[in-house]
Amino acid sequence: MKGLVAVLVILAVQAACAVFFVSDIVLSVLGIYAAPISWQSRELLEIGAAIGLMLGLGLGAVTLARSIRGRRVAEEKLRRASGAFMELLEERFTGWALTPAERDVALFAVKGMSTAEIAALRQTSEGTVKAQTAAIYRKAGVTGRPQLLSLFIEDLIDGELPSRSEALAPPAAPVALAPPAQAQQAAEPPGAP
């Protein structure tokens, strides 16, 4: 918040500086006569305007440097995440004992390619790709591409969501509670007052 206030103040100073420098030209072009101010006041205003413009230049340089630094950090995080995702893919593919062909098909499937696109890239028939994807889903214990992708997403977000087995587990049977009057009657022997 403090940085935003500083930026707004400097922008206001720059706007005032721009108005100061441009006003003389605009007034003379429009033929509007303005009473001149003393040269001391004019000099002070010009110095203030120049300082305001230099502050704006400095702010622009700082903002540009922060932006470049932020972009580099974001690119590094993306590179690390990409590397972590590839390591995760390899780990899962090895755990599922996928063949090299199934690994290729699984990678293309995770990238979102259609069966026809995968077949064209691998120079094989769509039926072969369908059979390979069925084998991949069976080995991974999923029923389709969305579930396959969700396995990797869950791993990347560090298990903050319930695991797949927890998410697929049937809910616990609800416990039926009798209303208090019925529970009391059930607890009392028949014929009790």
Protein backbone atom coordinates (compact mmCIF):
# COMPACT_ATOMS: atom_id res chain seq x y z
CA MET A 1 0.00 0.00 0.00
CA LYS A 2 2.86 2.35 0.88
CA GLY A 3 4.45 1.74 -2.55
CA LEU A 4 1.15 2.47 -4.30
CA VAL A 5 0.83 5.81 -2.51
CA ALA A 6 4.38 6.74 -3.54
CA VAL A 7 3.63 5.85 -7.16
CA LEU A 8 0.43 7.89 -7.14
CA VAL A 9 2.21 10.91 -5.62
CA ILE A 10 4.99 10.77 -8.21
CA LEU A 11 2.42 10.39 -11.02
CA ALA A 12 0.56 13.44 -9.71
CA VAL A 13 3.81 15.45 -9.59
CA GLN A 14 4.65 14.37 -13.15
CA ALA A 15 1.17 15.36 -14.33
CA ALA A 16 1.59 18.80 -12.74
CA CYS A 17 5.04 19.11 -14.37
CA ALA A 18 3.64 18.21 -17.77
CA VAL A 19 0.83 20.75 -17.39
CA PHE A 20 3.39 23.41 -16.37
CA PHE A 21 5.65 22.84 -19.38
CA VAL A 22 2.85 22.43 -21.91
CA SER A 23 0.59 25.23 -20.66
CA ASP A 24 2.76 28.06 -22.03
CA ILE A 25 2.81 26.52 -25.51
CA VAL A 26 -0.91 25.72 -25.54
CA LEU A 27 -1.84 29.18 -24.30
CA SER A 28 0.32 30.92 -26.93
CA VAL A 29 -1.02 28.69 -29.73
CA LEU A 30 -4.60 29.44 -28.66
CA GLY A 31 -3.76 33.16 -28.36
CA ILE A 32 -4.72 33.33 -24.71
CA TYR A 33 -2.81 35.90 -22.74
CA ALA A 34 -1.78 34.94 -19.19
CA ALA A 35 -0.24 37.32 -16.72
CA PRO A 36 3.46 36.51 -16.34
CA ILE A 37 4.84 35.37 -12.99
CA SER A 38 8.09 36.58 -11.45
CA TRP A 39 11.25 34.95 -12.80
CA GLN A 40 12.14 33.61 -9.31
CA SER A 41 8.78 31.83 -9.08
CA ARG A 42 9.16 30.53 -12.63
CA GLU A 43 12.66 29.21 -11.90
CA LEU A 44 11.43 27.43 -8.77
CA LEU A 45 8.53 25.90 -10.72
CA GLU A 46 10.90 24.71 -13.47
CA ILE A 47 13.28 23.19 -10.91
CA GLY A 48 10.35 21.46 -9.20
CA ALA A 49 9.07 20.19 -12.56
CA ALA A 50 12.52 18.90 -13.52
CA ILE A 51 12.82 17.11 -10.14
CA GLY A 52 9.36 15.60 -10.66
CA LEU A 53 10.33 14.32 -14.08
CA MET A 54 13.57 12.84 -12.71
CA LEU A 55 11.60 11.11 -9.92
CA GLY A 56 9.33 9.66 -12.59
CA LEU A 57 12.34 8.46 -14.55
CA GLY A 58 13.76 6.84 -11.41
CA LEU A 59 10.41 5.23 -10.60
CA GLY A 60 10.16 3.91 -14.14
CA ALA A 61 13.65 2.40 -13.88
CA VAL A 62 12.85 0.77 -10.51
CA THR A 63 9.56 -0.60 -11.84
CA LEU A 64 11.25 -1.96 -14.95
CA ALA A 65 13.99 -3.61 -12.85
CA ARG A 66 11.37 -5.21 -10.56
CA SER A 67 9.41 -6.39 -13.57
CA ILE A 68 12.49 -7.97 -15.16
CA ARG A 69 13.46 -9.59 -11.85
CA GLY A 70 9.89 -10.89 -11.37
CA ARG A 71 9.85 -12.31 -14.89
CA ARG A 72 13.16 -14.11 -14.27
CA VAL A 73 11.86 -15.57 -11.01
CA ALA A 74 8.66 -16.71 -12.73
CA GLU A 75 10.62 -18.28 -15.59
CA GLU A 76 12.86 -20.10 -13.09
CA LYS A 77 9.84 -21.41 -11.18
CA LEU A 78 8.26 -22.55 -14.43
CA ARG A 79 11.48 -24.29 -15.45
CA ARG A 80 11.66 -26.05 -12.09
CA ALA A 81 7.99 -27.03 -12.24
CA SER A 82 8.45 -28.34 -15.77
CA GLY A 83 11.45 -30.39 -14.66
CA ALA A 84 9.56 -31.66 -11.61
CA PHE A 85 6.61 -32.62 -13.82
CA MET A 86 8.85 -34.58 -16.19
CA GLU A 87 10.47 -36.34 -13.21
CA LEU A 88 7.01 -37.15 -11.88
CA LEU A 89 5.95 -38.54 -15.26
CA GLU A 90 9.02 -40.74 -15.46
CA GLU A 91 8.52 -41.96 -11.89
CA ARG A 92 4.86 -42.84 -12.53
CA PHE A 93 5.58 -44.43 -15.92
CA THR A 94 8.28 -46.60 -14.35
CA GLY A 95 6.00 -47.56 -11.46
CA TRP A 96 3.27 -48.59 -13.88
CA ALA A 97 5.78 -50.58 -15.99
CA LEU A 98 4.79 -48.86 -19.23
CA THR A 99 6.46 -49.97 -22.42
CA PRO A 100 8.35 -47.32 -24.43
CA ALA A 101 5.41 -47.06 -26.86
CA GLU A 102 2.94 -46.70 -23.98
CA ARG A 103 5.16 -44.00 -22.44
CA ASP A 104 5.01 -42.01 -25.68
CA VAL A 105 1.24 -42.40 -25.93
CA ALA A 106 0.76 -41.51 -22.25
CA LEU A 107 2.90 -38.39 -22.63
CA PHE A 108 0.95 -37.27 -25.70
CA ALA A 109 -2.34 -38.01 -23.90
CA VAL A 110 -1.28 -35.94 -20.89
CA LYS A 111 -0.39 -33.11 -23.29
CA GLY A 112 -4.01 -33.21 -24.50
CA MET A 113 -3.54 -34.67 -27.98
CA SER A 114 -6.39 -36.63 -29.56
CA THR A 115 -6.15 -40.27 -30.53
CA ALA A 116 -5.91 -39.30 -34.21
CA GLU A 117 -3.09 -36.82 -33.50
CA ILE A 118 -1.16 -39.38 -31.47
CA ALA A 119 -1.59 -41.97 -34.21
CA ALA A 120 -0.32 -39.52 -36.83
CA LEU A 121 2.71 -38.56 -34.72
CA ARG A 122 3.57 -42.18 -33.97
CA GLN A 123 2.78 -43.29 -37.54
CA THR A 124 0.45 -46.03 -36.36
CA SER A 125 -3.26 -46.74 -36.51
CA GLU A 126 -5.84 -45.21 -34.20
CA GLY A 127 -6.81 -48.72 -33.08
CA THR A 128 -3.26 -49.32 -31.85
CA VAL A 129 -3.30 -46.03 -29.94
CA LYS A 130 -6.68 -46.91 -28.41
CA ALA A 131 -5.34 -50.28 -27.28
CA GLN A 132 -2.25 -48.63 -25.81
CA THR A 133 -4.30 -46.01 -23.97
CA ALA A 134 -6.55 -48.75 -22.57
CA ALA A 135 -3.43 -50.55 -21.30
CA ILE A 136 -2.12 -47.32 -19.78
CA TYR A 137 -5.42 -46.64 -17.99
CA ARG A 138 -5.52 -50.23 -16.69
CA LYS A 139 -1.93 -50.05 -15.39
CA ALA A 140 -2.56 -46.63 -13.82
CA GLY A 141 -5.82 -47.77 -12.25
CA VAL A 142 -7.93 -45.07 -13.91
CA THR A 143 -10.84 -45.11 -16.32
CA GLY A 144 -9.90 -42.26 -18.64
CA ARG A 145 -7.71 -39.35 -19.57
CA PRO A 146 -9.13 -36.87 -17.02
CA GLN A 147 -8.39 -39.27 -14.15
CA LEU A 148 -4.91 -39.94 -15.54
CA LEU A 149 -4.16 -36.23 -15.63
CA SER A 150 -5.61 -35.73 -12.14
CA LEU A 151 -3.05 -38.21 -10.75
CA PHE A 152 -0.24 -35.92 -11.85
CA ILE A 153 -1.99 -32.75 -10.71
CA GLU A 154 -2.55 -34.21 -7.24
CA ASP A 155 1.14 -35.09 -6.99
CA LEU A 156 2.19 -31.60 -8.08
CA ILE A 157 0.07 -29.83 -5.49
CA ASP A 158 1.75 -31.85 -2.74
CA GLY A 159 -1.25 -33.84 -1.63
CA GLU A 160 -3.21 -30.89 -0.26
CA LEU A 161 -6.32 -32.53 -1.67
CA PRO A 162 -7.44 -36.02 -0.61
CA SER A 163 -5.56 -38.80 -2.32
CA ARG A 164 -7.17 -40.72 -5.17
CA SER A 165 -8.00 -43.69 -2.94
CA GLU A 166 -9.57 -41.37 -0.35
CA ALA A 167 -11.53 -39.52 -3.02
CA LEU A 168 -12.84 -42.77 -4.55
CA ALA A 169 -13.62 -44.47 -1.22
CA PRO A 170 -17.34 -44.89 -0.56
CA PRO A 171 -18.73 -42.59 2.10
CA ALA A 172 -19.26 -44.02 5.56
CA ALA A 173 -22.77 -45.28 6.25
CA PRO A 174 -24.81 -42.68 8.10
CA VAL A 175 -25.64 -43.52 11.69
CA ALA A 176 -29.38 -43.45 12.28
CA LEU A 177 -30.31 -41.66 15.45
CA ALA A 178 -33.75 -42.13 16.94
CA PRO A 179 -35.61 -39.06 18.15
CA PRO A 180 -35.23 -38.57 21.94
CA ALA A 181 -38.84 -39.63 22.76
CA GLN A 182 -38.51 -42.84 20.75
CA ALA A 183 -35.09 -43.58 22.22
CA GLN A 184 -36.46 -43.23 25.76
CA GLN A 185 -39.45 -45.48 24.97
CA ALA A 186 -37.13 -48.06 23.43
CA ALA A 187 -34.94 -48.04 26.56
CA GLU A 188 -37.91 -48.54 28.95
CA PRO A 189 -39.32 -52.06 29.41
CA PRO A 190 -42.86 -52.59 28.15
CA GLY A 191 -45.56 -51.69 30.66
CA ALA A 192 -43.39 -49.17 32.55
CA PRO A 193 -45.25 -45.97 33.62
